[in-house]
Amino acid sequence: FTGDLHEFPKGFSQFAQQADLLVSEAAEPAALENLAKRVGNGDKN
């Protein structure tokens, strides 16, 4: 399980080497502005 992360750290490849299953988080950049509008209480950033 990757947990939440901004980038895969050095050593991740060895840590996950030939794992039977990788459960990873992911974000879709193109949809984040719409998400921010729907949530509605964050600032411009």
ModelCIF file with pLDDT and N, C-alpha, C, O atoms, coordinates in Angstrom:
data_MODEL
#
_entry.id   MODEL 
#
_entity.id                         1 
_entity.type                       polymer 
_entity.pdbx_number_of_molecules   1 
#
_entity_poly.entity_id                      1 
_entity_poly.type                           'polypeptide(L)' 
_entity_poly.nstd_linkage                   no 
_entity_poly.nstd_monomer                   no 
_entity_poly.pdbx_seq_one_letter_code       FTGDLHEFPKGFSQFAQQADLLVSEAAEPAALENLAKRVGNGDKN 
_entity_poly.pdbx_seq_one_letter_code_can   FTGDLHEFPKGFSQFAQQADLLVSEAAEPAALENLAKRVGNGDKN 
_entity_poly.pdbx_strand_id                 A 
#
loop_
_entity_poly_seq.entity_id 
_entity_poly_seq.num 
_entity_poly_seq.mon_id 
_entity_poly_seq.hetero 
1 1  PHE n 
1 2  THR n 
1 3  GLY n 
1 4  ASP n 
1 5  LEU n 
1 6  HIS n 
1 7  GLU n 
1 8  PHE n 
1 9  PRO n 
1 10 LYS n 
1 11 GLY n 
1 12 PHE n 
1 13 SER n 
1 14 GLN n 
1 15 PHE n 
1 16 ALA n 
1 17 GLN n 
1 18 GLN n 
1 19 ALA n 
1 20 ASP n 
1 21 LEU n 
1 22 LEU n 
1 23 VAL n 
1 24 SER n 
1 25 GLU n 
1 26 ALA n 
1 27 ALA n 
1 28 GLU n 
1 29 PRO n 
1 30 ALA n 
1 31 ALA n 
1 32 LEU n 
1 33 GLU n 
1 34 ASN n 
1 35 LEU n 
1 36 ALA n 
1 37 LYS n 
1 38 ARG n 
1 39 VAL n 
1 40 GLY n 
1 41 ASN n 
1 42 GLY n 
1 43 ASP n 
1 44 LYS n 
1 45 ASN n 
#
_struct_asym.id          A 
_struct_asym.entity_id   1 
#
loop_
_ma_qa_metric.id 
_ma_qa_metric.mode 
_ma_qa_metric.name 
_ma_qa_metric.software_group_id 
_ma_qa_metric.type 
1 global pLDDT . pLDDT 
2 local  pLDDT . pLDDT 
#
_ma_qa_metric_global.metric_id      1 
_ma_qa_metric_global.metric_value   84.24 
_ma_qa_metric_global.model_id       1 
_ma_qa_metric_global.ordinal_id     1 
#
loop_
_ma_qa_metric_local.label_asym_id 
_ma_qa_metric_local.label_comp_id 
_ma_qa_metric_local.label_seq_id 
_ma_qa_metric_local.metric_id 
_ma_qa_metric_local.metric_value 
_ma_qa_metric_local.model_id 
_ma_qa_metric_local.ordinal_id 
A PHE 1  2 98.00 1 1  
A THR 2  2 98.00 1 2  
A GLY 3  2 97.00 1 3  
A ASP 4  2 96.00 1 4  
A LEU 5  2 96.00 1 5  
A HIS 6  2 93.00 1 6  
A GLU 7  2 95.00 1 7  
A PHE 8  2 97.00 1 8  
A PRO 9  2 95.00 1 9  
A LYS 10 2 92.00 1 10 
A GLY 11 2 96.00 1 11 
A PHE 12 2 98.00 1 12 
A SER 13 2 97.00 1 13 
A GLN 14 2 98.00 1 14 
A PHE 15 2 98.00 1 15 
A ALA 16 2 98.00 1 16 
A GLN 17 2 98.00 1 17 
A GLN 18 2 98.00 1 18 
A ALA 19 2 98.00 1 19 
A ASP 20 2 97.00 1 20 
A LEU 21 2 98.00 1 21 
A LEU 22 2 98.00 1 22 
A VAL 23 2 98.00 1 23 
A SER 24 2 98.00 1 24 
A GLU 25 2 96.00 1 25 
A ALA 26 2 93.00 1 26 
A ALA 27 2 87.00 1 27 
A GLU 28 2 84.00 1 28 
A PRO 29 2 75.00 1 29 
A ALA 30 2 74.00 1 30 
A ALA 31 2 66.00 1 31 
A LEU 32 2 68.00 1 32 
A GLU 33 2 66.00 1 33 
A ASN 34 2 71.00 1 34 
A LEU 35 2 66.00 1 35 
A ALA 36 2 60.00 1 36 
A LYS 37 2 67.00 1 37 
A ARG 38 2 66.00 1 38 
A VAL 39 2 64.00 1 39 
A GLY 40 2 57.00 1 40 
A ASN 41 2 61.00 1 41 
A GLY 42 2 58.00 1 42 
A ASP 43 2 55.00 1 43 
A LYS 44 2 61.00 1 44 
A ASN 45 2 71.00 1 45 
#
loop_
_atom_site.group_PDB 
_atom_site.id 
_atom_site.type_symbol 
_atom_site.label_atom_id 
_atom_site.label_alt_id 
_atom_site.label_comp_id 
_atom_site.label_asym_id 
_atom_site.label_entity_id 
_atom_site.label_seq_id 
_atom_site.pdbx_PDB_ins_code 
_atom_site.Cartn_x 
_atom_site.Cartn_y 
_atom_site.Cartn_z 
_atom_site.occupancy 
_atom_site.B_iso_or_equiv 
_atom_site.pdbx_formal_charge 
_atom_site.auth_seq_id 
_atom_site.auth_comp_id 
_atom_site.auth_asym_id 
_atom_site.auth_atom_id 
_atom_site.pdbx_PDB_model_num 
ATOM 1   N N  . PHE A 1 1  ? 0.861   -1.182 0.000   1.00 98.00 ? 1  PHE A N  1 
ATOM 2   C CA . PHE A 1 1  ? 0.000   0.000  0.000   1.00 98.00 ? 1  PHE A CA 1 
ATOM 3   C C  . PHE A 1 1  ? 0.895   1.229  0.000   1.00 98.00 ? 1  PHE A C  1 
ATOM 4   O O  . PHE A 1 1  ? 1.767   1.363  0.859   1.00 98.00 ? 1  PHE A O  1 
ATOM 5   N N  . THR A 1 2  ? 0.688   2.122  -0.954  1.00 98.00 ? 2  THR A N  1 
ATOM 6   C CA . THR A 1 2  ? 1.556   3.296  -1.051  1.00 98.00 ? 2  THR A CA 1 
ATOM 7   C C  . THR A 1 2  ? 1.278   4.333  0.026   1.00 98.00 ? 2  THR A C  1 
ATOM 8   O O  . THR A 1 2  ? 2.162   5.119  0.366   1.00 98.00 ? 2  THR A O  1 
ATOM 9   N N  . GLY A 1 3  ? 0.039   4.350  0.582   1.00 97.00 ? 3  GLY A N  1 
ATOM 10  C CA . GLY A 1 3  ? -0.363  5.499  1.363   1.00 97.00 ? 3  GLY A CA 1 
ATOM 11  C C  . GLY A 1 3  ? -0.425  6.713  0.443   1.00 97.00 ? 3  GLY A C  1 
ATOM 12  O O  . GLY A 1 3  ? -0.409  6.566  -0.779  1.00 97.00 ? 3  GLY A O  1 
ATOM 13  N N  . ASP A 1 4  ? -0.496  7.900  1.015   1.00 96.00 ? 4  ASP A N  1 
ATOM 14  C CA . ASP A 1 4  ? -0.510  9.138  0.228   1.00 96.00 ? 4  ASP A CA 1 
ATOM 15  C C  . ASP A 1 4  ? 0.918   9.629  0.058   1.00 96.00 ? 4  ASP A C  1 
ATOM 16  O O  . ASP A 1 4  ? 1.710   9.602  1.000   1.00 96.00 ? 4  ASP A O  1 
ATOM 17  N N  . LEU A 1 5  ? 1.241   10.079 -1.149  1.00 96.00 ? 5  LEU A N  1 
ATOM 18  C CA . LEU A 1 5  ? 2.601   10.551 -1.394  1.00 96.00 ? 5  LEU A CA 1 
ATOM 19  C C  . LEU A 1 5  ? 2.623   11.445 -2.627  1.00 96.00 ? 5  LEU A C  1 
ATOM 20  O O  . LEU A 1 5  ? 1.817   11.292 -3.545  1.00 96.00 ? 5  LEU A O  1 
ATOM 21  N N  . HIS A 1 6  ? 3.570   12.387 -2.623  1.00 93.00 ? 6  HIS A N  1 
ATOM 22  C CA . HIS A 1 6  ? 3.699   13.320 -3.740  1.00 93.00 ? 6  HIS A CA 1 
ATOM 23  C C  . HIS A 1 6  ? 4.578   12.755 -4.843  1.00 93.00 ? 6  HIS A C  1 
ATOM 24  O O  . HIS A 1 6  ? 4.413   13.102 -6.012  1.00 93.00 ? 6  HIS A O  1 
ATOM 25  N N  . GLU A 1 7  ? 5.500   11.897 -4.480  1.00 95.00 ? 7  GLU A N  1 
ATOM 26  C CA . GLU A 1 7  ? 6.349   11.222 -5.451  1.00 95.00 ? 7  GLU A CA 1 
ATOM 27  C C  . GLU A 1 7  ? 6.819   9.919  -4.827  1.00 95.00 ? 7  GLU A C  1 
ATOM 28  O O  . GLU A 1 7  ? 6.832   9.781  -3.604  1.00 95.00 ? 7  GLU A O  1 
ATOM 29  N N  . PHE A 1 8  ? 7.199   8.974  -5.654  1.00 97.00 ? 8  PHE A N  1 
ATOM 30  C CA . PHE A 1 8  ? 7.683   7.707  -5.128  1.00 97.00 ? 8  PHE A CA 1 
ATOM 31  C C  . PHE A 1 8  ? 9.131   7.874  -4.679  1.00 97.00 ? 8  PHE A C  1 
ATOM 32  O O  . PHE A 1 8  ? 9.978   8.300  -5.464  1.00 97.00 ? 8  PHE A O  1 
ATOM 33  N N  . PRO A 1 9  ? 9.418   7.545  -3.434  1.00 95.00 ? 9  PRO A N  1 
ATOM 34  C CA . PRO A 1 9  ? 10.753  7.808  -2.900  1.00 95.00 ? 9  PRO A CA 1 
ATOM 35  C C  . PRO A 1 9  ? 11.804  6.852  -3.447  1.00 95.00 ? 9  PRO A C  1 
ATOM 36  O O  . PRO A 1 9  ? 11.492  5.774  -3.953  1.00 95.00 ? 9  PRO A O  1 
ATOM 37  N N  . LYS A 1 10 ? 13.038  7.270  -3.333  1.00 92.00 ? 10 LYS A N  1 
ATOM 38  C CA . LYS A 1 10 ? 14.141  6.385  -3.666  1.00 92.00 ? 10 LYS A CA 1 
ATOM 39  C C  . LYS A 1 10 ? 14.031  5.143  -2.781  1.00 92.00 ? 10 LYS A C  1 
ATOM 40  O O  . LYS A 1 10 ? 13.841  5.252  -1.570  1.00 92.00 ? 10 LYS A O  1 
ATOM 41  N N  . GLY A 1 11 ? 14.146  4.016  -3.366  1.00 96.00 ? 11 GLY A N  1 
ATOM 42  C CA . GLY A 1 11 ? 14.007  2.781  -2.607  1.00 96.00 ? 11 GLY A CA 1 
ATOM 43  C C  . GLY A 1 11 ? 12.647  2.134  -2.739  1.00 96.00 ? 11 GLY A C  1 
ATOM 44  O O  . GLY A 1 11 ? 12.453  0.999  -2.304  1.00 96.00 ? 11 GLY A O  1 
ATOM 45  N N  . PHE A 1 12 ? 11.681  2.859  -3.351  1.00 98.00 ? 12 PHE A N  1 
ATOM 46  C CA . PHE A 1 12 ? 10.353  2.262  -3.460  1.00 98.00 ? 12 PHE A CA 1 
ATOM 47  C C  . PHE A 1 12 ? 10.366  1.043  -4.373  1.00 98.00 ? 12 PHE A C  1 
ATOM 48  O O  . PHE A 1 12 ? 9.688   0.053  -4.098  1.00 98.00 ? 12 PHE A O  1 
ATOM 49  N N  . SER A 1 13 ? 11.130  1.110  -5.454  1.00 97.00 ? 13 SER A N  1 
ATOM 50  C CA . SER A 1 13 ? 11.174  -0.007 -6.388  1.00 97.00 ? 13 SER A CA 1 
ATOM 51  C C  . SER A 1 13 ? 11.626  -1.286 -5.692  1.00 97.00 ? 13 SER A C  1 
ATOM 52  O O  . SER A 1 13 ? 11.065  -2.358 -5.922  1.00 97.00 ? 13 SER A O  1 
ATOM 53  N N  . GLN A 1 14 ? 12.637  -1.169 -4.846  1.00 98.00 ? 14 GLN A N  1 
ATOM 54  C CA . GLN A 1 14 ? 13.104  -2.340 -4.100  1.00 98.00 ? 14 GLN A CA 1 
ATOM 55  C C  . GLN A 1 14 ? 12.073  -2.756 -3.050  1.00 98.00 ? 14 GLN A C  1 
ATOM 56  O O  . GLN A 1 14 ? 11.845  -3.947 -2.835  1.00 98.00 ? 14 GLN A O  1 
ATOM 57  N N  . PHE A 1 15 ? 11.461  -1.783 -2.408  1.00 98.00 ? 15 PHE A N  1 
ATOM 58  C CA . PHE A 1 15 ? 10.464  -2.052 -1.373  1.00 98.00 ? 15 PHE A CA 1 
ATOM 59  C C  . PHE A 1 15 ? 9.294   -2.854 -1.940  1.00 98.00 ? 15 PHE A C  1 
ATOM 60  O O  . PHE A 1 15 ? 8.782   -3.762 -1.286  1.00 98.00 ? 15 PHE A O  1 
ATOM 61  N N  . ALA A 1 16 ? 8.873   -2.512 -3.167  1.00 98.00 ? 16 ALA A N  1 
ATOM 62  C CA . ALA A 1 16 ? 7.703   -3.144 -3.780  1.00 98.00 ? 16 ALA A CA 1 
ATOM 63  C C  . ALA A 1 16 ? 8.074   -4.197 -4.819  1.00 98.00 ? 16 ALA A C  1 
ATOM 64  O O  . ALA A 1 16 ? 7.200   -4.677 -5.542  1.00 98.00 ? 16 ALA A O  1 
ATOM 65  N N  . GLN A 1 17 ? 9.334   -4.560 -4.907  1.00 98.00 ? 17 GLN A N  1 
ATOM 66  C CA . GLN A 1 17 ? 9.826   -5.429 -5.961  1.00 98.00 ? 17 GLN A CA 1 
ATOM 67  C C  . GLN A 1 17 ? 9.006   -6.723 -6.073  1.00 98.00 ? 17 GLN A C  1 
ATOM 68  O O  . GLN A 1 17 ? 8.894   -7.503 -5.127  1.00 98.00 ? 17 GLN A O  1 
ATOM 69  N N  . GLN A 1 18 ? 8.438   -6.914 -7.278  1.00 98.00 ? 18 GLN A N  1 
ATOM 70  C CA . GLN A 1 18 ? 7.686   -8.116 -7.635  1.00 98.00 ? 18 GLN A CA 1 
ATOM 71  C C  . GLN A 1 18 ? 6.539   -8.415 -6.661  1.00 98.00 ? 18 GLN A C  1 
ATOM 72  O O  . GLN A 1 18 ? 6.191   -9.575 -6.438  1.00 98.00 ? 18 GLN A O  1 
ATOM 73  N N  . ALA A 1 19 ? 5.969   -7.378 -6.098  1.00 98.00 ? 19 ALA A N  1 
ATOM 74  C CA . ALA A 1 19 ? 4.801   -7.567 -5.239  1.00 98.00 ? 19 ALA A CA 1 
ATOM 75  C C  . ALA A 1 19 ? 3.658   -8.169 -6.055  1.00 98.00 ? 19 ALA A C  1 
ATOM 76  O O  . ALA A 1 19 ? 3.502   -7.868 -7.238  1.00 98.00 ? 19 ALA A O  1 
ATOM 77  N N  . ASP A 1 20 ? 2.871   -9.014 -5.416  1.00 97.00 ? 20 ASP A N  1 
ATOM 78  C CA . ASP A 1 20 ? 1.712   -9.592 -6.089  1.00 97.00 ? 20 ASP A CA 1 
ATOM 79  C C  . ASP A 1 20 ? 0.637   -8.542 -6.337  1.00 97.00 ? 20 ASP A C  1 
ATOM 80  O O  . ASP A 1 20 ? -0.132  -8.639 -7.294  1.00 97.00 ? 20 ASP A O  1 
ATOM 81  N N  . LEU A 1 21 ? 0.593   -7.543 -5.469  1.00 98.00 ? 21 LEU A N  1 
ATOM 82  C CA . LEU A 1 21 ? -0.443  -6.514 -5.596  1.00 98.00 ? 21 LEU A CA 1 
ATOM 83  C C  . LEU A 1 21 ? 0.079   -5.183 -5.071  1.00 98.00 ? 21 LEU A C  1 
ATOM 84  O O  . LEU A 1 21 ? 0.595   -5.101 -3.956  1.00 98.00 ? 21 LEU A O  1 
ATOM 85  N N  . LEU A 1 22 ? -0.061  -4.144 -5.887  1.00 98.00 ? 22 LEU A N  1 
ATOM 86  C CA . LEU A 1 22 ? 0.255   -2.782 -5.474  1.00 98.00 ? 22 LEU A CA 1 
ATOM 87  C C  . LEU A 1 22 ? -1.040  -1.996 -5.415  1.00 98.00 ? 22 LEU A C  1 
ATOM 88  O O  . LEU A 1 22 ? -1.719  -1.835 -6.429  1.00 98.00 ? 22 LEU A O  1 
ATOM 89  N N  . VAL A 1 23 ? -1.386  -1.505 -4.227  1.00 98.00 ? 23 VAL A N  1 
ATOM 90  C CA . VAL A 1 23 ? -2.566  -0.655 -4.047  1.00 98.00 ? 23 VAL A CA 1 
ATOM 91  C C  . VAL A 1 23 ? -2.055  0.771  -3.906  1.00 98.00 ? 23 VAL A C  1 
ATOM 92  O O  . VAL A 1 23 ? -1.445  1.127  -2.898  1.00 98.00 ? 23 VAL A O  1 
ATOM 93  N N  . SER A 1 24 ? -2.309  1.574  -4.916  1.00 98.00 ? 24 SER A N  1 
ATOM 94  C CA . SER A 1 24 ? -1.727  2.920  -4.964  1.00 98.00 ? 24 SER A CA 1 
ATOM 95  C C  . SER A 1 24 ? -2.802  3.986  -5.052  1.00 98.00 ? 24 SER A C  1 
ATOM 96  O O  . SER A 1 24 ? -3.851  3.794  -5.666  1.00 98.00 ? 24 SER A O  1 
ATOM 97  N N  . GLU A 1 25 ? -2.518  5.095  -4.432  1.00 96.00 ? 25 GLU A N  1 
ATOM 98  C CA . GLU A 1 25 ? -3.361  6.281  -4.609  1.00 96.00 ? 25 GLU A CA 1 
ATOM 99  C C  . GLU A 1 25 ? -3.078  6.900  -5.965  1.00 96.00 ? 25 GLU A C  1 
ATOM 100 O O  . GLU A 1 25 ? -2.095  6.548  -6.616  1.00 96.00 ? 25 GLU A O  1 
ATOM 101 N N  . ALA A 1 26 ? -3.937  7.824  -6.398  1.00 93.00 ? 26 ALA A N  1 
ATOM 102 C CA . ALA A 1 26 ? -3.704  8.556  -7.642  1.00 93.00 ? 26 ALA A CA 1 
ATOM 103 C C  . ALA A 1 26 ? -4.613  9.769  -7.702  1.00 93.00 ? 26 ALA A C  1 
ATOM 104 O O  . ALA A 1 26 ? -5.718  9.770  -7.160  1.00 93.00 ? 26 ALA A O  1 
ATOM 105 N N  . ALA A 1 27 ? -4.119  10.810 -8.379  1.00 87.00 ? 27 ALA A N  1 
ATOM 106 C CA . ALA A 1 27 ? -4.888  12.033 -8.588  1.00 87.00 ? 27 ALA A CA 1 
ATOM 107 C C  . ALA A 1 27 ? -4.967  12.331 -10.080 1.00 87.00 ? 27 ALA A C  1 
ATOM 108 O O  . ALA A 1 27 ? -4.053  12.005 -10.839 1.00 87.00 ? 27 ALA A O  1 
ATOM 109 N N  . GLU A 1 28 ? -6.064  12.950 -10.489 1.00 84.00 ? 28 GLU A N  1 
ATOM 110 C CA . GLU A 1 28 ? -6.247  13.375 -11.873 1.00 84.00 ? 28 GLU A CA 1 
ATOM 111 C C  . GLU A 1 28 ? -6.185  14.900 -11.918 1.00 84.00 ? 28 GLU A C  1 
ATOM 112 O O  . GLU A 1 28 ? -7.162  15.567 -11.577 1.00 84.00 ? 28 GLU A O  1 
ATOM 113 N N  . PRO A 1 29 ? -5.044  15.460 -12.338 1.00 75.00 ? 29 PRO A N  1 
ATOM 114 C CA . PRO A 1 29 ? -4.859  16.914 -12.286 1.00 75.00 ? 29 PRO A CA 1 
ATOM 115 C C  . PRO A 1 29 ? -5.952  17.710 -12.999 1.00 75.00 ? 29 PRO A C  1 
ATOM 116 O O  . PRO A 1 29 ? -6.342  18.778 -12.528 1.00 75.00 ? 29 PRO A O  1 
ATOM 117 N N  . ALA A 1 30 ? -6.449  17.202 -14.124 1.00 74.00 ? 30 ALA A N  1 
ATOM 118 C CA . ALA A 1 30 ? -7.421  17.954 -14.915 1.00 74.00 ? 30 ALA A CA 1 
ATOM 119 C C  . ALA A 1 30 ? -8.749  18.158 -14.190 1.00 74.00 ? 30 ALA A C  1 
ATOM 120 O O  . ALA A 1 30 ? -9.517  19.054 -14.539 1.00 74.00 ? 30 ALA A O  1 
ATOM 121 N N  . ALA A 1 31 ? -9.020  17.328 -13.181 1.00 66.00 ? 31 ALA A N  1 
ATOM 122 C CA . ALA A 1 31 ? -10.304 17.403 -12.487 1.00 66.00 ? 31 ALA A CA 1 
ATOM 123 C C  . ALA A 1 31 ? -10.230 18.134 -11.154 1.00 66.00 ? 31 ALA A C  1 
ATOM 124 O O  . ALA A 1 31 ? -11.246 18.263 -10.470 1.00 66.00 ? 31 ALA A O  1 
ATOM 125 N N  . LEU A 1 32 ? -9.057  18.612 -10.771 1.00 68.00 ? 32 LEU A N  1 
ATOM 126 C CA . LEU A 1 32 ? -8.903  19.170 -9.429  1.00 68.00 ? 32 LEU A CA 1 
ATOM 127 C C  . LEU A 1 32 ? -9.534  20.552 -9.282  1.00 68.00 ? 32 LEU A C  1 
ATOM 128 O O  . LEU A 1 32 ? -10.046 20.881 -8.212  1.00 68.00 ? 32 LEU A O  1 
ATOM 129 N N  . GLU A 1 33 ? -9.508  21.356 -10.325 1.00 66.00 ? 33 GLU A N  1 
ATOM 130 C CA . GLU A 1 33 ? -10.151 22.672 -10.238 1.00 66.00 ? 33 GLU A CA 1 
ATOM 131 C C  . GLU A 1 33 ? -11.657 22.517 -10.018 1.00 66.00 ? 33 GLU A C  1 
ATOM 132 O O  . GLU A 1 33 ? -12.258 23.251 -9.233  1.00 66.00 ? 33 GLU A O  1 
ATOM 133 N N  . ASN A 1 34 ? -12.259 21.551 -10.720 1.00 71.00 ? 34 ASN A N  1 
ATOM 134 C CA . ASN A 1 34 ? -13.686 21.302 -10.538 1.00 71.00 ? 34 ASN A CA 1 
ATOM 135 C C  . ASN A 1 34 ? -13.974 20.794 -9.131  1.00 71.00 ? 34 ASN A C  1 
ATOM 136 O O  . ASN A 1 34 ? -14.979 21.166 -8.525  1.00 71.00 ? 34 ASN A O  1 
ATOM 137 N N  . LEU A 1 35 ? -13.087 19.938 -8.609  1.00 66.00 ? 35 LEU A N  1 
ATOM 138 C CA . LEU A 1 35 ? -13.243 19.445 -7.243  1.00 66.00 ? 35 LEU A CA 1 
ATOM 139 C C  . LEU A 1 35 ? -13.194 20.601 -6.249  1.00 66.00 ? 35 LEU A C  1 
ATOM 140 O O  . LEU A 1 35 ? -13.997 20.659 -5.318  1.00 66.00 ? 35 LEU A O  1 
ATOM 141 N N  . ALA A 1 36 ? -12.251 21.518 -6.448  1.00 60.00 ? 36 ALA A N  1 
ATOM 142 C CA . ALA A 1 36 ? -12.125 22.668 -5.549  1.00 60.00 ? 36 ALA A CA 1 
ATOM 143 C C  . ALA A 1 36 ? -13.409 23.501 -5.557  1.00 60.00 ? 36 ALA A C  1 
ATOM 144 O O  . ALA A 1 36 ? -13.837 23.992 -4.512  1.00 60.00 ? 36 ALA A O  1 
ATOM 145 N N  . LYS A 1 37 ? -14.015 23.659 -6.720  1.00 67.00 ? 37 LYS A N  1 
ATOM 146 C CA . LYS A 1 37 ? -15.259 24.425 -6.818  1.00 67.00 ? 37 LYS A CA 1 
ATOM 147 C C  . LYS A 1 37 ? -16.399 23.709 -6.105  1.00 67.00 ? 37 LYS A C  1 
ATOM 148 O O  . LYS A 1 37 ? -17.219 24.350 -5.447  1.00 67.00 ? 37 LYS A O  1 
ATOM 149 N N  . ARG A 1 38 ? -16.457 22.395 -6.229  1.00 66.00 ? 38 ARG A N  1 
ATOM 150 C CA . ARG A 1 38 ? -17.540 21.631 -5.600  1.00 66.00 ? 38 ARG A CA 1 
ATOM 151 C C  . ARG A 1 38 ? -17.416 21.641 -4.080  1.00 66.00 ? 38 ARG A C  1 
ATOM 152 O O  . ARG A 1 38 ? -18.423 21.709 -3.377  1.00 66.00 ? 38 ARG A O  1 
ATOM 153 N N  . VAL A 1 39 ? -16.184 21.573 -3.569  1.00 64.00 ? 39 VAL A N  1 
ATOM 154 C CA . VAL A 1 39 ? -15.990 21.636 -2.120  1.00 64.00 ? 39 VAL A CA 1 
ATOM 155 C C  . VAL A 1 39 ? -16.319 23.037 -1.618  1.00 64.00 ? 39 VAL A C  1 
ATOM 156 O O  . VAL A 1 39 ? -17.082 23.202 -0.666  1.00 64.00 ? 39 VAL A O  1 
ATOM 157 N N  . GLY A 1 40 ? -15.735 24.047 -2.266  1.00 57.00 ? 40 GLY A N  1 
ATOM 158 C CA . GLY A 1 40 ? -16.214 25.402 -2.098  1.00 57.00 ? 40 GLY A CA 1 
ATOM 159 C C  . GLY A 1 40 ? -15.664 26.243 -0.964  1.00 57.00 ? 40 GLY A C  1 
ATOM 160 O O  . GLY A 1 40 ? -15.952 27.438 -0.908  1.00 57.00 ? 40 GLY A O  1 
ATOM 161 N N  . ASN A 1 41 ? -14.876 25.667 -0.049  1.00 61.00 ? 41 ASN A N  1 
ATOM 162 C CA . ASN A 1 41 ? -14.415 26.497 1.072   1.00 61.00 ? 41 ASN A CA 1 
ATOM 163 C C  . ASN A 1 41 ? -12.902 26.610 1.160   1.00 61.00 ? 41 ASN A C  1 
ATOM 164 O O  . ASN A 1 41 ? -12.365 26.944 2.216   1.00 61.00 ? 41 ASN A O  1 
ATOM 165 N N  . GLY A 1 42 ? -12.210 26.333 0.061   1.00 58.00 ? 42 GLY A N  1 
ATOM 166 C CA . GLY A 1 42 ? -10.767 26.550 0.021   1.00 58.00 ? 42 GLY A CA 1 
ATOM 167 C C  . GLY A 1 42 ? -10.436 27.838 -0.706  1.00 58.00 ? 42 GLY A C  1 
ATOM 168 O O  . GLY A 1 42 ? -11.300 28.431 -1.353  1.00 58.00 ? 42 GLY A O  1 
ATOM 169 N N  . ASP A 1 43 ? -9.189  28.272 -0.603  1.00 55.00 ? 43 ASP A N  1 
ATOM 170 C CA . ASP A 1 43 ? -8.793  29.491 -1.302  1.00 55.00 ? 43 ASP A CA 1 
ATOM 171 C C  . ASP A 1 43 ? -8.372  29.157 -2.731  1.00 55.00 ? 43 ASP A C  1 
ATOM 172 O O  . ASP A 1 43 ? -8.539  28.027 -3.188  1.00 55.00 ? 43 ASP A O  1 
ATOM 173 N N  . LYS A 1 44 ? -7.831  30.143 -3.422  1.00 61.00 ? 44 LYS A N  1 
ATOM 174 C CA . LYS A 1 44 ? -7.487  29.969 -4.833  1.00 61.00 ? 44 LYS A CA 1 
ATOM 175 C C  . LYS A 1 44 ? -6.386  28.936 -5.051  1.00 61.00 ? 44 LYS A C  1 
ATOM 176 O O  . LYS A 1 44 ? -6.198  28.459 -6.170  1.00 61.00 ? 44 LYS A O  1 
ATOM 177 N N  . ASN A 1 45 ? -5.662  28.590 -3.997  1.00 71.00 ? 45 ASN A N  1 
ATOM 178 C CA . ASN A 1 45 ? -4.568  27.628 -4.109  1.00 71.00 ? 45 ASN A CA 1 
ATOM 179 C C  . ASN A 1 45 ? -4.996  26.202 -3.759  1.00 71.00 ? 45 ASN A C  1 
ATOM 180 O O  . ASN A 1 45 ? -4.178  25.283 -3.809  1.00 71.00 ? 45 ASN A O  1 
#
